[in-house]
Protein backbone atom coordinates (compact mmCIF):
# COMPACT_ATOMS: atom_id res chain seq x y z
CA UNK A 1 -27.00 -46.68 16.42
CA UNK A 2 -24.42 -48.47 18.57
CA UNK A 3 -25.14 -51.91 19.96
CA UNK A 4 -22.95 -53.28 22.74
CA UNK A 5 -21.31 -56.58 21.91
CA UNK A 6 -20.74 -59.40 24.34
CA UNK A 7 -17.17 -59.96 25.48
CA UNK A 8 -15.56 -62.92 23.81
CA UNK A 9 -16.25 -66.16 25.65
CA UNK A 10 -18.53 -64.58 28.26
CA UNK A 11 -21.11 -66.81 29.90
CA UNK A 12 -24.08 -66.14 32.11
CA UNK A 13 -23.78 -68.12 35.33
CA UNK A 14 -27.11 -69.26 36.85
CA UNK A 15 -28.32 -66.68 39.38
CA UNK A 16 -28.72 -69.23 42.16
CA UNK A 17 -25.19 -70.56 41.85
CA UNK A 18 -23.24 -69.10 44.80
CA UNK A 19 -19.93 -70.19 43.29
CA UNK A 20 -20.89 -68.39 40.11
CA UNK A 21 -21.47 -65.20 42.07
CA UNK A 22 -18.21 -65.58 43.99
CA UNK A 23 -16.13 -66.04 40.84
CA UNK A 24 -18.10 -63.97 38.33
CA UNK A 25 -16.29 -61.27 36.38
CA UNK A 26 -19.60 -59.57 35.50
CA UNK A 27 -19.15 -56.05 36.86
CA UNK A 28 -22.79 -55.96 37.97
CA UNK A 29 -22.34 -58.96 40.24
CA UNK A 30 -19.06 -57.65 41.63
CA UNK A 31 -20.72 -54.29 42.27
CA UNK A 32 -23.71 -55.89 43.99
CA UNK A 33 -21.45 -58.08 46.13
CA UNK A 34 -19.46 -55.02 47.19
CA UNK A 35 -22.59 -53.02 47.98
CA UNK A 36 -24.22 -55.89 49.89
CA UNK A 37 -21.05 -56.58 51.90
CA UNK A 38 -20.70 -52.93 52.86
CA UNK A 39 -24.37 -52.71 53.91
CA UNK A 40 -23.97 -55.74 56.18
CA UNK A 41 -20.87 -54.16 57.69
CA UNK A 42 -22.82 -50.90 58.10
CA UNK A 43 -25.19 -52.76 60.42
CA UNK A 44 -22.25 -54.23 62.36
CA UNK A 45 -20.61 -50.83 62.80
CA UNK A 46 -23.97 -49.37 63.78
CA UNK A 47 -24.26 -51.88 66.61
CA UNK A 48 -20.85 -50.77 67.90
CA UNK A 49 -22.05 -47.15 67.80
CA UNK A 50 -25.16 -48.06 69.79
CA UNK A 51 -23.04 -49.64 72.51
CA UNK A 52 -20.93 -46.49 72.70
CA UNK A 53 -23.99 -44.26 72.91
CA UNK A 54 -25.38 -46.49 75.64
CA UNK A 55 -22.14 -46.06 77.58
CA UNK A 56 -22.30 -42.26 77.29
CA UNK A 57 -26.04 -41.81 77.85
CA UNK A 58 -25.47 -40.78 81.46
CA UNK A 59 -22.46 -39.88 83.63
CA UNK A 60 -20.26 -42.60 85.10
CA UNK A 61 -21.98 -45.57 83.48
CA UNK A 62 -20.06 -48.84 83.26
CA UNK A 63 -21.70 -50.65 80.36
CA UNK A 64 -18.29 -51.67 78.97
CA UNK A 65 -14.72 -51.56 80.26
CA UNK A 66 -12.47 -48.68 79.17
CA UNK A 67 -10.22 -50.87 76.99
CA UNK A 68 -13.30 -52.38 75.32
CA UNK A 69 -14.68 -48.91 74.68
CA UNK A 70 -11.40 -47.90 73.06
CA UNK A 71 -11.69 -50.85 70.71
CA UNK A 72 -15.29 -49.95 69.92
CA UNK A 73 -14.57 -46.42 68.74
CA UNK A 74 -11.50 -47.63 66.84
CA UNK A 75 -13.40 -50.36 65.00
CA UNK A 76 -16.45 -48.17 64.43
CA UNK A 77 -14.40 -45.35 62.92
CA UNK A 78 -12.07 -47.51 60.86
CA UNK A 79 -14.89 -49.85 59.86
CA UNK A 80 -17.14 -47.08 58.59
CA UNK A 81 -14.35 -45.49 56.58
CA UNK A 82 -12.29 -48.47 55.37
CA UNK A 83 -15.06 -51.07 55.16
CA UNK A 84 -18.42 -49.34 54.60
CA UNK A 85 -18.69 -45.87 53.04
CA UNK A 86 -15.62 -46.10 50.77
CA UNK A 87 -16.33 -49.63 49.45
CA UNK A 88 -20.01 -48.81 48.87
CA UNK A 89 -18.99 -45.74 46.86
CA UNK A 90 -16.63 -47.76 44.67
CA UNK A 91 -19.13 -50.64 44.50
CA UNK A 92 -21.86 -48.52 42.91
CA UNK A 93 -19.22 -47.20 40.53
CA UNK A 94 -18.30 -50.74 39.52
CA UNK A 95 -21.98 -51.49 38.89
CA UNK A 96 -23.08 -48.29 37.18
CA UNK A 97 -20.19 -46.73 35.26
CA UNK A 98 -20.08 -49.34 32.44
CA UNK A 99 -23.86 -49.10 32.08
CA UNK A 100 -23.89 -45.30 32.07
CA UNK A 101 -21.27 -45.06 29.33
CA UNK A 102 -22.75 -47.85 27.21
CA UNK A 103 -19.92 -50.37 27.75
CA UNK A 104 -20.56 -54.13 27.68
CA UNK A 105 -18.16 -54.83 30.57
CA UNK A 106 -15.75 -53.21 32.99
CA UNK A 107 -12.06 -52.90 32.17
CA UNK A 108 -9.88 -55.64 33.73
CA UNK A 109 -12.80 -57.58 35.26
CA UNK A 110 -10.55 -60.14 36.99
CA UNK A 111 -8.65 -57.32 38.66
CA UNK A 112 -11.97 -55.87 39.83
CA UNK A 113 -12.97 -59.24 41.27
CA UNK A 114 -9.59 -59.51 43.02
CA UNK A 115 -10.19 -56.07 44.50
CA UNK A 116 -13.50 -57.24 45.96
CA UNK A 117 -12.02 -60.34 47.57
CA UNK A 118 -9.10 -58.38 49.02
CA UNK A 119 -11.71 -56.08 50.56
CA UNK A 120 -13.62 -59.03 52.01
CA UNK A 121 -10.45 -60.60 53.41
CA UNK A 122 -9.48 -57.27 54.94
CA UNK A 123 -12.87 -56.92 56.60
CA UNK A 124 -12.68 -60.45 58.01
CA UNK A 125 -9.18 -59.86 59.41
CA UNK A 126 -10.24 -56.57 61.04
CA UNK A 127 -13.21 -58.25 62.73
CA UNK A 128 -11.19 -61.33 63.74
CA UNK A 129 -8.72 -59.03 65.49
CA UNK A 130 -11.33 -58.63 68.23
CA UNK A 131 -10.71 -62.25 69.24
CA UNK A 132 -7.01 -61.64 69.97
CA UNK A 133 -5.80 -61.97 73.55
CA UNK A 134 -5.64 -58.21 74.23
CA UNK A 135 -8.35 -57.33 71.76
CA UNK A 136 -8.15 -55.32 68.57
CA UNK A 137 -6.61 -51.93 67.86
CA UNK A 138 -7.65 -49.33 70.44
CA UNK A 139 -5.92 -46.11 69.36
CA UNK A 140 -8.45 -44.67 66.91
CA UNK A 141 -9.04 -45.12 63.19
CA UNK A 142 -5.88 -43.08 62.54
CA UNK A 143 -3.80 -44.98 65.15
CA UNK A 144 -1.21 -42.32 65.90
CA UNK A 145 2.15 -43.51 67.21
CA UNK A 146 3.59 -43.81 69.76
CA UNK A 147 0.21 -44.76 71.29
CA UNK A 148 -0.23 -47.37 68.55
CA UNK A 149 3.22 -48.97 68.87
CA UNK A 150 3.77 -52.29 70.61
CA UNK A 151 4.86 -50.67 73.88
CA UNK A 152 1.52 -48.93 74.45
CA UNK A 153 -0.73 -51.22 72.36
CA UNK A 154 0.67 -54.73 72.87
CA UNK A 155 -0.72 -57.90 71.36
CA UNK A 156 -1.44 -59.35 67.96
CA UNK A 157 -4.84 -57.65 67.61
CA UNK A 158 -3.47 -54.29 66.40
CA UNK A 159 -1.18 -56.18 63.99
CA UNK A 160 -4.19 -57.97 62.51
CA UNK A 161 -5.99 -54.63 62.25
CA UNK A 162 -3.08 -53.23 60.20
CA UNK A 163 -3.16 -56.26 57.89
CA UNK A 164 -6.91 -55.89 57.43
CA UNK A 165 -6.61 -52.18 56.59
CA UNK A 166 -3.85 -52.89 54.06
CA UNK A 167 -5.84 -55.66 52.35
CA UNK A 168 -9.03 -53.61 52.15
CA UNK A 169 -7.24 -50.49 50.91
CA UNK A 170 -5.37 -52.47 48.25
CA UNK A 171 -8.70 -53.84 47.05
CA UNK A 172 -10.11 -50.32 46.80
CA UNK A 173 -7.10 -49.16 44.78
CA UNK A 174 -7.60 -52.00 42.28
CA UNK A 175 -11.30 -51.25 41.95
CA UNK A 176 -10.59 -47.54 41.55
CA UNK A 177 -8.15 -48.26 38.72
CA UNK A 178 -10.61 -50.42 36.79
CA UNK A 179 -13.54 -47.98 37.17
CA UNK A 180 -11.37 -45.08 36.00
CA UNK A 181 -9.98 -47.06 33.07
CA UNK A 182 -13.51 -48.04 32.05
CA UNK A 183 -14.72 -44.43 32.05
CA UNK A 184 -11.72 -43.24 30.06
CA UNK A 185 -11.42 -46.02 27.48
CA UNK A 186 -14.66 -48.00 27.06
CA UNK A 187 -17.27 -45.35 26.23
CA UNK A 188 -19.80 -46.12 23.51
CA UNK A 189 -20.01 -44.23 20.23
CA UNK A 190 -21.07 -40.62 20.80
CA UNK A 191 -20.26 -40.72 24.53
CA UNK A 192 -17.60 -38.03 24.67
CA UNK A 193 -16.05 -37.05 27.98
CA UNK A 194 -18.38 -34.06 28.25
CA UNK A 195 -21.40 -36.28 27.65
CA UNK A 196 -20.70 -38.63 30.53
CA UNK A 197 -23.34 -38.45 33.30
CA UNK A 198 -22.60 -36.48 36.46
CA UNK A 199 -22.43 -39.69 38.47
CA UNK A 200 -19.75 -41.09 36.16
CA UNK A 201 -17.79 -37.84 36.48
CA UNK A 202 -18.06 -38.08 40.26
CA UNK A 203 -16.53 -41.55 40.02
CA UNK A 204 -13.72 -40.29 37.76
CA UNK A 205 -12.82 -37.61 40.32
CA UNK A 206 -13.07 -40.14 43.17
CA UNK A 207 -10.90 -42.71 41.41
CA UNK A 208 -8.24 -40.08 40.69
CA UNK A 209 -8.08 -39.44 44.45
CA UNK A 210 -8.01 -43.17 45.19
CA UNK A 211 -5.05 -43.68 42.90
CA UNK A 212 -3.25 -40.55 44.07
CA UNK A 213 -3.76 -40.77 47.83
CA UNK A 214 -4.59 -44.32 48.93
CA UNK A 215 -1.00 -45.60 48.47
CA UNK A 216 -0.05 -43.08 51.16
CA UNK A 217 -2.13 -45.06 53.66
CA UNK A 218 -0.26 -48.23 52.70
CA UNK A 219 3.01 -46.41 53.39
CA UNK A 220 1.68 -45.17 56.74
CA UNK A 221 0.60 -48.69 57.72
CA UNK A 222 4.04 -50.02 56.72
CA UNK A 223 5.67 -47.38 58.94
CA UNK A 224 3.33 -48.25 61.80
CA UNK A 225 4.10 -51.95 61.38
CA UNK A 226 7.82 -51.16 61.51
CA UNK A 227 7.24 -49.20 64.69
CA UNK A 228 5.39 -52.10 66.24
CA UNK A 229 8.29 -54.40 65.41
CA UNK A 230 10.80 -51.87 66.80
CA UNK A 231 9.17 -49.18 68.99
CA UNK A 232 12.39 -47.16 68.98
CA UNK A 233 11.39 -46.03 65.47
CA UNK A 234 8.97 -43.59 67.08
CA UNK A 235 11.32 -42.25 69.75
CA UNK A 236 12.13 -39.36 67.38
CA UNK A 237 9.30 -36.88 66.98
CA UNK A 238 10.01 -36.54 63.26
CA UNK A 239 8.73 -40.08 62.71
CA UNK A 240 5.54 -39.42 64.67
CA UNK A 241 4.82 -36.27 62.68
CA UNK A 242 5.92 -38.02 59.48
CA UNK A 243 3.33 -40.73 60.11
CA UNK A 244 0.64 -38.08 60.49
CA UNK A 245 1.65 -36.48 57.18
CA UNK A 246 1.45 -39.85 55.42
CA UNK A 247 -1.83 -40.74 57.05
CA UNK A 248 -3.62 -37.47 56.39
CA UNK A 249 -2.46 -37.34 52.78
CA UNK A 250 -4.84 -40.29 52.56
CA UNK A 251 -7.22 -39.18 55.32
CA UNK A 252 -8.40 -35.94 53.74
CA UNK A 253 -8.95 -37.09 50.13
CA UNK A 254 -10.77 -40.19 51.40
CA UNK A 255 -13.43 -37.88 52.86
CA UNK A 256 -14.24 -36.80 49.30
CA UNK A 257 -14.01 -40.35 47.97
CA UNK A 258 -16.73 -40.99 50.55
CA UNK A 259 -18.67 -37.95 49.33
CA UNK A 260 -18.33 -37.42 45.56
CA UNK A 261 -20.10 -40.62 44.43
CA UNK A 262 -23.01 -39.84 46.74
CA UNK A 263 -23.11 -36.27 45.48
CA UNK A 264 -23.21 -37.72 41.97
CA UNK A 265 -26.04 -40.06 42.93
CA UNK A 266 -27.99 -37.18 44.51
CA UNK A 267 -27.43 -35.08 41.39
CA UNK A 268 -28.89 -37.84 39.20
CA UNK A 269 -31.89 -38.28 41.51
CA UNK A 270 -32.60 -34.54 41.71
CA UNK A 271 -32.50 -34.22 37.93
CA UNK A 272 -34.78 -37.20 37.30
CA UNK A 273 -37.40 -36.27 39.89
CA UNK A 274 -37.30 -32.65 38.74
CA UNK A 275 -38.01 -33.75 35.18
CA UNK A 276 -35.02 -31.97 33.66
CA UNK A 277 -31.34 -32.32 32.81
CA UNK A 278 -28.83 -31.49 35.51
CA UNK A 279 -28.28 -27.74 35.76
CA UNK A 280 -24.74 -26.35 35.41
CA UNK A 281 -23.29 -29.58 34.03
CA UNK A 282 -19.95 -28.27 32.73
CA UNK A 283 -19.32 -26.09 35.77
CA UNK A 284 -20.00 -29.04 38.06
CA UNK A 285 -17.63 -31.30 36.11
CA UNK A 286 -14.88 -28.69 36.40
CA UNK A 287 -15.60 -28.17 40.10
CA UNK A 288 -15.31 -31.90 40.80
CA UNK A 289 -11.87 -32.00 39.21
CA UNK A 290 -10.71 -28.83 40.98
CA UNK A 291 -12.10 -30.13 44.27
CA UNK A 292 -10.23 -33.42 43.82
CA UNK A 293 -6.96 -31.60 43.15
CA UNK A 294 -7.37 -29.23 46.11
CA UNK A 295 -8.33 -32.07 48.44
CA UNK A 296 -4.81 -33.46 48.08
CA UNK A 297 -3.23 -30.12 48.99
CA UNK A 298 -4.93 -29.55 52.34
CA UNK A 299 -4.06 -32.72 54.26
CA UNK A 300 -2.19 -30.98 57.08
CA UNK A 301 -5.15 -28.89 58.24
CA UNK A 302 -5.79 -31.92 60.45
CA UNK A 303 -2.48 -31.10 62.16
CA UNK A 304 -2.96 -27.43 63.15
CA UNK A 305 -2.64 -28.24 66.84
CA UNK A 306 0.68 -30.05 66.38
CA UNK A 307 2.54 -26.82 65.69
CA UNK A 308 4.50 -28.67 63.00
CA UNK A 309 2.80 -27.37 59.83
CA UNK A 310 2.30 -24.07 57.99
CA UNK A 311 -1.12 -23.23 59.36
CA UNK A 312 -1.72 -20.19 57.15
CA UNK A 313 -1.17 -22.17 53.94
CA UNK A 314 -3.35 -25.10 54.95
CA UNK A 315 -6.11 -22.83 56.24
CA UNK A 316 -6.12 -20.84 52.99
CA UNK A 317 -6.28 -23.94 50.80
CA UNK A 318 -8.93 -25.50 53.04
CA UNK A 319 -11.20 -22.47 52.82
CA UNK A 320 -10.62 -22.26 49.06
CA UNK A 321 -12.52 -25.55 48.78
CA UNK A 322 -15.63 -23.42 49.28
CA UNK A 323 -15.45 -22.29 45.66
CA UNK A 324 -15.90 -25.68 43.91
CA UNK A 325 -18.19 -26.85 46.71
CA UNK A 326 -20.39 -23.81 46.15
CA UNK A 327 -20.58 -24.49 42.42
CA UNK A 328 -21.76 -28.05 43.06
CA UNK A 329 -24.22 -26.99 45.72
CA UNK A 330 -25.86 -24.26 43.68
CA UNK A 331 -25.98 -26.53 40.63
CA UNK A 332 -28.08 -28.99 42.62
CA UNK A 333 -30.35 -26.20 43.86
CA UNK A 334 -30.63 -24.85 40.32
CA UNK A 335 -31.69 -28.31 39.13
CA UNK A 336 -34.57 -28.39 41.59
CA UNK A 337 -35.76 -24.79 41.13
CA UNK A 338 -38.37 -24.60 38.41
CA UNK A 339 -38.56 -28.36 38.03
CA UNK A 340 -41.64 -30.57 38.07
CA UNK A 341 -40.87 -32.20 41.39
CA UNK A 342 -41.99 -35.74 42.21
CA UNK A 343 -41.52 -36.67 45.87
CA UNK A 344 -40.71 -40.37 45.77
CA UNK A 345 -38.41 -41.92 48.40
CA UNK A 346 -35.15 -41.40 46.44
CA UNK A 347 -36.04 -37.72 46.02
CA UNK A 348 -36.75 -37.31 49.74
CA UNK A 349 -33.30 -38.62 50.66
CA UNK A 350 -31.70 -36.46 47.97
CA UNK A 351 -33.44 -33.31 49.18
CA UNK A 352 -32.52 -34.01 52.82
CA UNK A 353 -28.91 -34.42 51.71
CA UNK A 354 -28.73 -30.72 50.77
CA UNK A 355 -29.34 -28.94 54.12
CA UNK A 356 -27.72 -31.65 56.21
CA UNK A 357 -24.49 -31.73 54.26
CA UNK A 358 -24.48 -27.92 54.33
CA UNK A 359 -24.14 -28.11 58.12
CA UNK A 360 -21.14 -30.41 57.72
CA UNK A 361 -19.58 -28.13 55.13
CA UNK A 362 -20.02 -24.91 57.11
CA UNK A 363 -18.62 -26.45 60.30
CA UNK A 364 -15.72 -27.69 58.18
CA UNK A 365 -14.81 -24.05 57.56
CA UNK A 366 -14.68 -23.58 61.32
CA UNK A 367 -12.27 -26.46 61.95
CA UNK A 368 -10.27 -25.33 58.91
CA UNK A 369 -9.56 -22.05 60.73
CA UNK A 370 -6.61 -22.50 63.11
CA UNK A 371 -7.75 -20.08 65.82
CA UNK A 372 -11.08 -21.94 66.12
CA UNK A 373 -9.54 -25.36 65.64
CA UNK A 374 -7.26 -24.90 68.66
CA UNK A 375 -10.41 -24.82 70.81
CA UNK A 376 -12.44 -27.41 68.91
CA UNK A 377 -9.82 -30.02 67.97
CA UNK A 378 -10.31 -33.46 69.54
CA UNK A 379 -13.67 -32.39 70.96
CA UNK A 380 -17.16 -33.65 70.23
CA UNK A 381 -17.58 -30.73 67.84
CA UNK A 382 -15.28 -32.57 65.42
CA UNK A 383 -17.29 -35.77 65.92
CA UNK A 384 -20.47 -33.88 65.00
CA UNK A 385 -18.83 -32.25 61.97
CA UNK A 386 -17.51 -35.57 60.66
CA UNK A 387 -20.87 -37.29 61.08
CA UNK A 388 -22.77 -34.48 59.37
CA UNK A 389 -20.45 -34.96 56.41
CA UNK A 390 -20.40 -38.76 56.36
CA UNK A 391 -23.81 -39.69 57.74
CA UNK A 392 -26.17 -36.73 57.34
CA UNK A 393 -24.47 -36.19 53.98
CA UNK A 394 -22.98 -39.33 52.47
CA UNK A 395 -25.32 -41.88 54.08
CA UNK A 396 -28.38 -39.97 52.84
CA UNK A 397 -26.83 -39.98 49.38
CA UNK A 398 -26.20 -43.70 49.84
CA UNK A 399 -29.87 -44.39 50.57
CA UNK A 400 -31.00 -42.12 47.73
CA UNK A 401 -28.85 -44.32 45.47
CA UNK A 402 -30.20 -47.57 46.94
CA UNK A 403 -33.86 -46.62 46.48
CA UNK A 404 -33.20 -45.13 43.02
CA UNK A 405 -31.21 -47.97 41.45
CA UNK A 406 -32.70 -50.91 43.39
CA UNK A 407 -35.29 -51.66 40.66
CA UNK A 408 -32.56 -51.56 38.01
CA UNK A 409 -30.40 -54.05 39.92
CA UNK A 410 -33.16 -56.41 41.12
CA UNK A 411 -36.15 -55.89 38.84
CA UNK A 412 -38.42 -54.77 41.68
CA UNK A 413 -38.95 -51.50 43.56
CA UNK A 414 -38.56 -51.17 47.33
CA UNK A 415 -41.76 -50.48 49.27
CA UNK A 416 -42.69 -46.79 49.19
CA UNK A 417 -44.43 -46.66 52.58
CA UNK A 418 -41.58 -48.37 54.41
CA UNK A 419 -39.15 -46.18 52.47
CA UNK A 420 -40.87 -43.01 53.68
CA UNK A 421 -40.91 -44.31 57.26
CA UNK A 422 -37.20 -45.11 56.96
CA UNK A 423 -36.60 -41.56 55.71
CA UNK A 424 -38.51 -39.88 58.54
CA UNK A 425 -36.76 -41.94 61.22
CA UNK A 426 -33.34 -41.22 59.74
CA UNK A 427 -33.94 -37.47 59.53
CA UNK A 428 -35.11 -37.33 63.15
CA UNK A 429 -32.45 -39.73 64.43
CA UNK A 430 -29.57 -38.08 62.56
CA UNK A 431 -30.23 -34.58 63.82
CA UNK A 432 -31.20 -35.66 67.34
CA UNK A 433 -27.95 -37.65 67.57
CA UNK A 434 -25.42 -35.25 66.10
CA UNK A 435 -26.69 -31.71 66.67
CA UNK A 436 -26.15 -31.95 70.47
CA UNK A 437 -22.55 -32.97 69.84
CA UNK A 438 -21.73 -29.49 68.51
CA UNK A 439 -22.75 -28.03 71.87
CA UNK A 440 -20.91 -30.78 73.76
CA UNK A 441 -17.70 -30.01 71.88
CA UNK A 442 -18.05 -26.28 72.36
CA UNK A 443 -18.55 -26.84 76.09
CA UNK A 444 -15.38 -28.90 76.25
CA UNK A 445 -16.32 -32.57 76.08
CA UNK A 446 -13.34 -34.38 74.54
CA UNK A 447 -13.85 -37.15 72.02
CA UNK A 448 -12.82 -40.75 72.75
CA UNK A 449 -13.65 -40.62 76.48
CA UNK A 450 -15.33 -43.60 78.12
CA UNK A 451 -17.15 -41.61 80.80
CA UNK A 452 -17.63 -38.16 82.34
CA UNK A 453 -18.49 -36.74 85.76
CA UNK A 454 -21.98 -35.49 86.72
CA UNK A 455 -20.63 -32.00 87.45
CA UNK A 456 -19.36 -31.67 83.85
CA UNK A 457 -22.92 -30.88 82.77
CA UNK A 458 -22.83 -33.15 79.70
CA UNK A 459 -25.58 -35.55 80.81
CA UNK A 460 -28.68 -34.07 79.13
CA UNK A 461 -27.06 -33.52 75.73
CA UNK A 462 -25.55 -37.00 75.77
CA UNK A 463 -28.92 -38.48 76.67
CA UNK A 464 -30.51 -36.71 73.70
CA UNK A 465 -27.75 -38.01 71.42
CA UNK A 466 -28.23 -41.55 72.70
CA UNK A 467 -32.01 -41.34 72.18
CA UNK A 468 -31.31 -40.15 68.64
CA UNK A 469 -29.08 -43.17 68.07
CA UNK A 470 -31.99 -45.42 69.10
CA UNK A 471 -34.21 -43.68 66.52
CA UNK A 472 -31.49 -44.21 63.88
CA UNK A 473 -31.39 -47.90 64.79
CA UNK A 474 -35.17 -48.13 64.36
CA UNK A 475 -34.83 -46.54 60.92
CA UNK A 476 -32.21 -49.08 59.90
CA UNK A 477 -34.47 -51.92 61.07
CA UNK A 478 -37.22 -50.55 58.81
CA UNK A 479 -34.77 -50.44 55.89
CA UNK A 480 -33.66 -54.04 56.43
CA UNK A 481 -37.29 -55.19 56.67
CA UNK A 482 -38.09 -53.34 53.44
CA UNK A 483 -35.21 -54.96 51.55
CA UNK A 484 -35.86 -58.49 52.86
CA UNK A 485 -39.63 -58.24 52.36
CA UNK A 486 -39.21 -56.98 48.79
CA UNK A 487 -36.70 -59.69 47.87
CA UNK A 488 -38.92 -62.30 49.52
CA UNK A 489 -41.90 -61.23 47.40
CA UNK A 490 -39.71 -61.40 44.30
CA UNK A 491 -38.58 -64.94 45.14
CA UNK A 492 -42.22 -66.01 45.57
CA UNK A 493 -43.27 -64.35 42.33
CA UNK A 494 -45.65 -61.94 44.12
CA UNK A 495 -43.99 -58.75 42.96
CA UNK A 496 -44.76 -56.38 40.11
CA UNK A 497 -41.71 -56.53 37.79
CA UNK A 498 -39.98 -53.20 37.34
CA UNK A 499 -39.89 -51.89 33.76
CA UNK A 500 -36.54 -50.86 32.25
CA UNK A 501 -37.16 -47.24 33.29
CA UNK A 502 -39.67 -46.89 36.15
CA UNK A 503 -38.69 -43.27 36.90
CA UNK A 504 -38.48 -41.67 33.45
CA UNK A 505 -34.73 -41.27 33.94
CA UNK A 506 -32.01 -39.59 31.88
CA UNK A 507 -29.02 -41.93 31.52
CA UNK A 508 -28.16 -45.05 29.55
CA UNK A 509 -28.52 -47.66 32.29
CA UNK A 510 -32.30 -47.12 32.14
CA UNK A 511 -32.44 -48.10 28.44
CA UNK A 512 -31.69 -51.76 29.15
CA UNK A 513 -33.74 -54.34 31.03
CA UNK A 514 -34.15 -54.49 34.81
CA UNK A 515 -31.97 -56.24 35.85
CA UNK A 516 -29.57 -55.82 32.92
CA UNK A 517 -28.34 -58.85 30.92
CA UNK A 518 -24.80 -60.18 31.21
CA UNK A 519 -23.59 -57.97 28.35
CA UNK A 520 -25.54 -54.90 29.56
CA UNK A 521 -27.09 -54.17 26.15
CA UNK A 522 -28.52 -56.56 23.54
CA UNK A 523 -30.27 -56.30 20.15
CA UNK A 524 -33.55 -56.14 22.09
CA UNK A 525 -32.16 -53.41 24.36
CA UNK A 526 -29.53 -51.60 22.27
CA UNK A 527 -27.44 -48.67 23.37
CA UNK A 528 -29.46 -45.56 22.44
CA UNK A 529 -27.76 -42.79 20.48
CA UNK A 530 -25.99 -40.25 22.67
CA UNK A 531 -26.56 -36.56 21.98
CA UNK A 532 -25.81 -35.12 25.43
CA UNK A 533 -25.21 -35.90 29.10
CA UNK A 534 -28.92 -36.83 29.51
CA UNK A 535 -29.43 -38.94 26.36
CA UNK A 536 -32.78 -40.52 27.28
CA UNK A 537 -34.26 -37.15 28.24
CA UNK A 538 -32.95 -35.67 24.99
CA UNK A 539 -34.70 -38.38 22.98
CA UNK A 540 -37.96 -38.12 24.96
CA UNK A 541 -38.09 -34.38 24.38
CA UNK A 542 -37.67 -34.87 20.64
CA UNK A 543 -34.21 -33.39 20.31
CA UNK A 544 -32.70 -36.52 18.76
CA UNK A 545 -33.12 -37.80 15.23
CA UNK A 546 -36.59 -39.30 14.46
CA UNK A 547 -35.09 -42.75 13.91
CA UNK A 548 -33.33 -42.46 17.25
CA UNK A 549 -36.59 -41.69 19.06
CA UNK A 550 -38.33 -44.59 17.40
CA UNK A 551 -35.51 -46.91 18.44
CA UNK A 552 -35.78 -45.75 22.05
CA UNK A 553 -39.54 -46.29 22.03
CA UNK A 554 -39.07 -49.76 20.55
CA UNK A 555 -36.45 -50.78 23.10
CA UNK A 556 -38.88 -49.94 25.91
CA UNK A 557 -41.78 -51.68 24.31
């Protein structure tokens, strides 16, 4: 049996010491700080979305000025991608990957901590840009030139936005490197590559895309900064199209960085609450790697309407993504079929992920087809597609992960009744908000417009979408109340402590205490023997050695 050893010279900083949290190199604290920061920013970006939906609820409203509205959709889009969904995905990787592979610590912990603080500084700079004289960036999360150069977007606000994006992205690259290095080099005895949990594999695929594609965004931001210093840079169309190539070489893989970890979390939840190991493990691992490789070959399908790319090639490679996506999808369905299903809150979010993300995936085929994309590009159809991928899909995976691993991280479970209410409100709000946008886009409503005329006929569908946004906001309020109420009860000692494994789970993080100690595993909670990709399930079902099963039973006692 392998027992994790404490890193040399490691110390446990008192939990109430804020300076200890801010400077800790414990991967669990860094992961929790990243997750908590991204959740706070999720609420901020949600408020911006509510203002936009209020503006569009009816024709010709004047809730905000046009320039303010342009800043709102720019900060909402860039904030959700650069500051919320991507950091949360890497944050849960920082927390979980060392635990899932039986490692006592993350590789290069100081580099991981630096990555977090670069992310925080980037977020602060992006938000501070709103206070600039002419406001923040107002040309969309992709900030195409020449609209984004200093001639058409003057002021220091867009410059600060660029700095914030660069800082945050650099932080994500550093965190991606350390998570990948941990998975490749710090596995416990018996944890071969093909015994790593599906979530860890999803992080490996995500980190490969982070390392391969995120530097392209830094290059794009450098080019944009040069164009703001000298707008003549973008007088030649080649530079405008070149910027788009650089940007989308980041912009398409980042969609899967914002999806794979949540798919991995959903896969873990489905397996645990179906009472079985994940179905189609090896095929899913291969599909994740193939998907990651293909995602970096299809960047220019975002540029069909420019007339500057080989549409046939990018359409073919885009549609070929269906193959690995189908493998992953049917593996999740196969895990559920025939299982002994338990419908706790994490399972509800995981099950809702399946049909809702399917809508995002199928509409992705449509916008990956040039003849359809010519009609749908830059319309509300694309807004609906993106939000079904990143909210109906990724955000539901995010909440499945929060409810599932919350007792491991804090030692107490979130309230089940409030969790179910949160789930119901999010399902209703998500579909009421984003389904009408498909019809709006098909009928010709362009994205990024501050208003529309009564005779356009968009009023009813926009009103439904805005009502859905209000339901989403109510669901988020319930979630915040649940988290604060649960943590308050814990601080007052009125909670029921969570056992090491409240769910009867499959992977190594559930073999240690809740929350885990500084070194993850101790003589009291040793690393169990690993005989497969679901080691705890293997031992519970009696497929390990007798001594191994006794050790597992003792560690839980």
